[in-house]
């Protein structure tokens, strides 16, 4: 089960092929369908050049979650109490 809560993006009440991912109140990323290339792109507002893609919506969401977990691991020493 994903630790990211996903919600479908909408414009004027119309659902889009874009899903926003949140951990608590913080947006950690989004996935959107690229119809011209026929794959799902993921990106994150947490790091400007972090993005990727997957053949399905679920694959792109999993790739974003994998990247996020690896990226957050870099901050572990900061958050450890005895560091």
N, C-alpha and C. Protein backbone atom coordinates (compact mmCIF):
# COMPACT_ATOMS: atom_id res chain seq x y z
N UNK A 1 0.84 -1.18 0.00
CA UNK A 1 0.00 0.00 0.00
C UNK A 1 0.88 1.24 0.00
N UNK A 2 0.51 2.22 -0.78
CA UNK A 2 1.28 3.44 -0.92
C UNK A 2 1.16 4.32 0.32
N UNK A 3 2.24 4.97 0.66
CA UNK A 3 2.22 5.94 1.75
C UNK A 3 1.77 7.31 1.26
N UNK A 4 1.63 7.42 -0.04
CA UNK A 4 1.19 8.67 -0.67
C UNK A 4 -0.31 8.57 -0.91
N UNK A 5 -1.03 9.62 -0.56
CA UNK A 5 -2.46 9.69 -0.85
C UNK A 5 -2.64 10.40 -2.18
N UNK A 6 -3.35 9.75 -3.09
CA UNK A 6 -3.54 10.28 -4.44
C UNK A 6 -4.94 10.83 -4.61
N UNK A 7 -5.03 11.95 -5.32
CA UNK A 7 -6.34 12.49 -5.67
C UNK A 7 -6.28 12.96 -7.12
N UNK A 8 -7.36 12.69 -7.84
CA UNK A 8 -7.42 13.07 -9.25
C UNK A 8 -7.60 14.57 -9.37
N UNK A 9 -6.81 15.17 -10.24
CA UNK A 9 -6.90 16.60 -10.49
C UNK A 9 -8.14 16.89 -11.33
N UNK A 10 -8.73 18.06 -11.12
CA UNK A 10 -9.93 18.47 -11.86
C UNK A 10 -9.81 19.93 -12.25
N UNK A 11 -10.43 20.27 -13.36
CA UNK A 11 -10.56 21.66 -13.80
C UNK A 11 -12.03 21.89 -14.09
N UNK A 12 -12.63 22.86 -13.42
CA UNK A 12 -14.05 23.17 -13.57
C UNK A 12 -14.92 21.93 -13.39
N UNK A 13 -14.52 21.06 -12.46
CA UNK A 13 -15.29 19.86 -12.16
C UNK A 13 -15.06 18.70 -13.11
N UNK A 14 -14.20 18.91 -14.12
CA UNK A 14 -13.92 17.85 -15.09
C UNK A 14 -12.65 17.11 -14.67
N UNK A 15 -12.72 15.78 -14.47
CA UNK A 15 -11.53 15.03 -14.07
C UNK A 15 -10.49 14.98 -15.20
N UNK A 16 -9.23 15.11 -14.81
CA UNK A 16 -8.12 15.08 -15.77
C UNK A 16 -7.34 13.77 -15.63
N UNK A 17 -6.51 13.47 -16.61
CA UNK A 17 -5.59 12.34 -16.52
C UNK A 17 -4.33 12.78 -15.79
N UNK A 18 -4.53 13.33 -14.61
CA UNK A 18 -3.45 13.82 -13.76
C UNK A 18 -3.86 13.57 -12.32
N UNK A 19 -2.93 13.05 -11.53
CA UNK A 19 -3.20 12.73 -10.14
C UNK A 19 -2.13 13.40 -9.27
N UNK A 20 -2.58 14.04 -8.20
CA UNK A 20 -1.70 14.72 -7.27
C UNK A 20 -1.46 13.82 -6.07
N UNK A 21 -0.20 13.74 -5.63
CA UNK A 21 0.15 12.91 -4.49
C UNK A 21 0.52 13.74 -3.28
N UNK A 22 -0.04 13.38 -2.13
CA UNK A 22 0.19 14.11 -0.89
C UNK A 22 0.64 13.17 0.21
N UNK A 23 1.50 13.68 1.07
CA UNK A 23 1.81 13.05 2.34
C UNK A 23 1.42 14.08 3.38
N UNK A 24 0.30 13.82 4.06
CA UNK A 24 -0.27 14.86 4.92
C UNK A 24 -0.70 16.02 4.04
N UNK A 25 -0.39 17.26 4.46
CA UNK A 25 -0.78 18.41 3.65
C UNK A 25 0.23 18.78 2.56
N UNK A 26 1.33 18.05 2.47
CA UNK A 26 2.42 18.40 1.55
C UNK A 26 2.27 17.65 0.22
N UNK A 27 2.22 18.42 -0.88
CA UNK A 27 2.21 17.79 -2.20
C UNK A 27 3.62 17.30 -2.50
N UNK A 28 3.75 16.00 -2.73
CA UNK A 28 5.07 15.41 -2.97
C UNK A 28 5.29 15.06 -4.43
N UNK A 29 4.25 15.09 -5.24
CA UNK A 29 4.43 14.79 -6.64
C UNK A 29 3.12 14.68 -7.38
N UNK A 30 3.25 14.44 -8.67
CA UNK A 30 2.08 14.21 -9.50
C UNK A 30 2.44 13.28 -10.65
N UNK A 31 1.44 12.62 -11.18
CA UNK A 31 1.60 11.81 -12.39
C UNK A 31 0.55 12.30 -13.39
N UNK A 32 0.93 12.34 -14.66
CA UNK A 32 0.03 12.80 -15.71
C UNK A 32 0.27 11.99 -16.97
N UNK A 33 -0.80 11.76 -17.71
CA UNK A 33 -0.70 10.98 -18.94
C UNK A 33 -0.22 11.86 -20.08
N UNK A 34 0.77 11.37 -20.81
CA UNK A 34 1.28 12.04 -22.01
C UNK A 34 0.73 11.27 -23.20
N UNK A 35 -0.34 11.78 -23.78
CA UNK A 35 -1.02 11.08 -24.86
C UNK A 35 -0.20 10.95 -26.13
N UNK A 36 0.66 11.92 -26.41
CA UNK A 36 1.44 11.85 -27.64
C UNK A 36 2.50 10.75 -27.58
N UNK A 37 3.03 10.49 -26.39
CA UNK A 37 4.04 9.44 -26.23
C UNK A 37 3.48 8.17 -25.59
N UNK A 38 2.25 8.23 -25.12
CA UNK A 38 1.54 7.10 -24.53
C UNK A 38 2.22 6.52 -23.30
N UNK A 39 2.63 7.39 -22.40
CA UNK A 39 3.12 6.94 -21.11
C UNK A 39 2.77 7.97 -20.05
N UNK A 40 2.96 7.57 -18.80
CA UNK A 40 2.65 8.42 -17.66
C UNK A 40 3.94 9.03 -17.13
N UNK A 41 3.93 10.33 -16.95
CA UNK A 41 5.11 11.06 -16.45
C UNK A 41 4.88 11.40 -14.99
N UNK A 42 5.92 11.21 -14.17
CA UNK A 42 5.84 11.65 -12.77
C UNK A 42 6.85 12.77 -12.57
N UNK A 43 6.52 13.66 -11.67
CA UNK A 43 7.42 14.76 -11.29
C UNK A 43 7.12 15.14 -9.86
N UNK A 44 8.03 15.90 -9.26
CA UNK A 44 7.87 16.32 -7.88
C UNK A 44 8.25 17.79 -7.73
N UNK A 45 7.52 18.53 -6.91
CA UNK A 45 7.91 19.91 -6.63
C UNK A 45 9.06 20.00 -5.62
N UNK A 46 9.47 18.86 -5.05
CA UNK A 46 10.51 18.87 -4.02
C UNK A 46 11.91 19.03 -4.60
N UNK A 47 12.09 18.66 -5.85
CA UNK A 47 13.39 18.82 -6.51
C UNK A 47 13.12 19.12 -7.97
N UNK A 48 13.69 20.21 -8.44
CA UNK A 48 13.37 20.75 -9.75
C UNK A 48 13.59 19.76 -10.90
N UNK A 49 14.66 19.01 -10.88
CA UNK A 49 15.00 18.16 -12.01
C UNK A 49 14.66 16.68 -11.80
N UNK A 50 13.80 16.38 -10.85
CA UNK A 50 13.42 14.98 -10.59
C UNK A 50 12.12 14.68 -11.33
N UNK A 51 12.19 13.74 -12.25
CA UNK A 51 11.02 13.30 -13.00
C UNK A 51 11.33 11.94 -13.62
N UNK A 52 10.32 11.30 -14.10
CA UNK A 52 10.49 10.02 -14.77
C UNK A 52 9.19 9.62 -15.42
N UNK A 53 9.12 8.38 -15.87
CA UNK A 53 7.91 7.94 -16.54
C UNK A 53 7.71 6.45 -16.34
N UNK A 54 6.49 6.01 -16.65
CA UNK A 54 6.14 4.60 -16.57
C UNK A 54 5.12 4.27 -17.63
N UNK A 55 5.00 3.00 -17.98
CA UNK A 55 4.05 2.61 -19.01
C UNK A 55 2.59 2.67 -18.56
N UNK A 56 2.38 2.67 -17.25
CA UNK A 56 1.02 2.75 -16.71
C UNK A 56 0.99 3.79 -15.58
N UNK A 57 -0.21 4.16 -15.20
CA UNK A 57 -0.38 5.10 -14.08
C UNK A 57 0.23 4.53 -12.81
N UNK A 58 -0.04 3.25 -12.52
CA UNK A 58 0.47 2.63 -11.31
C UNK A 58 1.99 2.53 -11.31
N UNK A 59 2.58 2.27 -12.47
CA UNK A 59 4.04 2.18 -12.57
C UNK A 59 4.67 3.54 -12.30
N UNK A 60 4.08 4.60 -12.81
CA UNK A 60 4.60 5.95 -12.57
C UNK A 60 4.47 6.33 -11.11
N UNK A 61 3.35 5.98 -10.48
CA UNK A 61 3.16 6.26 -9.05
C UNK A 61 4.18 5.50 -8.21
N UNK A 62 4.43 4.24 -8.55
CA UNK A 62 5.41 3.43 -7.82
C UNK A 62 6.82 4.00 -8.00
N UNK A 63 7.14 4.46 -9.20
CA UNK A 63 8.46 5.05 -9.45
C UNK A 63 8.65 6.32 -8.64
N UNK A 64 7.62 7.15 -8.56
CA UNK A 64 7.70 8.37 -7.75
C UNK A 64 7.91 8.01 -6.29
N UNK A 65 7.16 7.04 -5.79
CA UNK A 65 7.31 6.66 -4.38
C UNK A 65 8.71 6.09 -4.11
N UNK A 66 9.23 5.31 -5.02
CA UNK A 66 10.59 4.77 -4.87
C UNK A 66 11.62 5.90 -4.84
N UNK A 67 11.50 6.85 -5.77
CA UNK A 67 12.42 7.99 -5.80
C UNK A 67 12.32 8.79 -4.50
N UNK A 68 11.09 9.05 -4.04
CA UNK A 68 10.89 9.86 -2.84
C UNK A 68 11.52 9.19 -1.62
N UNK A 69 11.34 7.90 -1.46
CA UNK A 69 11.93 7.19 -0.31
C UNK A 69 13.46 7.27 -0.36
N UNK A 70 14.05 7.09 -1.54
CA UNK A 70 15.50 7.17 -1.67
C UNK A 70 16.00 8.59 -1.41
N UNK A 71 15.29 9.59 -1.90
CA UNK A 71 15.68 10.98 -1.72
C UNK A 71 15.60 11.38 -0.25
N UNK A 72 14.52 10.97 0.42
CA UNK A 72 14.36 11.31 1.84
C UNK A 72 15.40 10.64 2.72
N UNK A 73 15.92 9.50 2.29
CA UNK A 73 16.96 8.80 3.06
C UNK A 73 18.18 9.71 3.27
N UNK A 74 18.44 10.61 2.34
CA UNK A 74 19.56 11.55 2.47
C UNK A 74 19.41 12.47 3.69
N UNK A 75 18.20 12.65 4.17
CA UNK A 75 17.94 13.56 5.28
C UNK A 75 17.87 12.84 6.63
N UNK A 76 18.05 11.54 6.66
CA UNK A 76 17.95 10.77 7.90
C UNK A 76 18.86 11.32 9.00
N UNK A 77 20.15 11.61 8.73
CA UNK A 77 21.00 12.13 9.81
C UNK A 77 20.49 13.43 10.45
N UNK A 78 19.84 14.24 9.67
CA UNK A 78 19.30 15.49 10.20
C UNK A 78 18.20 15.24 11.22
N UNK A 79 17.38 14.23 10.95
CA UNK A 79 16.23 13.97 11.80
C UNK A 79 16.50 13.02 12.96
N UNK A 80 17.65 12.36 12.96
CA UNK A 80 17.96 11.45 14.05
C UNK A 80 18.35 12.25 15.29
N UNK A 81 17.81 11.85 16.40
CA UNK A 81 18.00 12.61 17.64
C UNK A 81 19.44 12.57 18.14
N UNK A 82 20.16 11.46 17.96
CA UNK A 82 21.50 11.33 18.51
C UNK A 82 22.59 11.62 17.48
N UNK A 83 22.25 12.28 16.40
CA UNK A 83 23.26 12.62 15.38
C UNK A 83 24.01 13.89 15.76
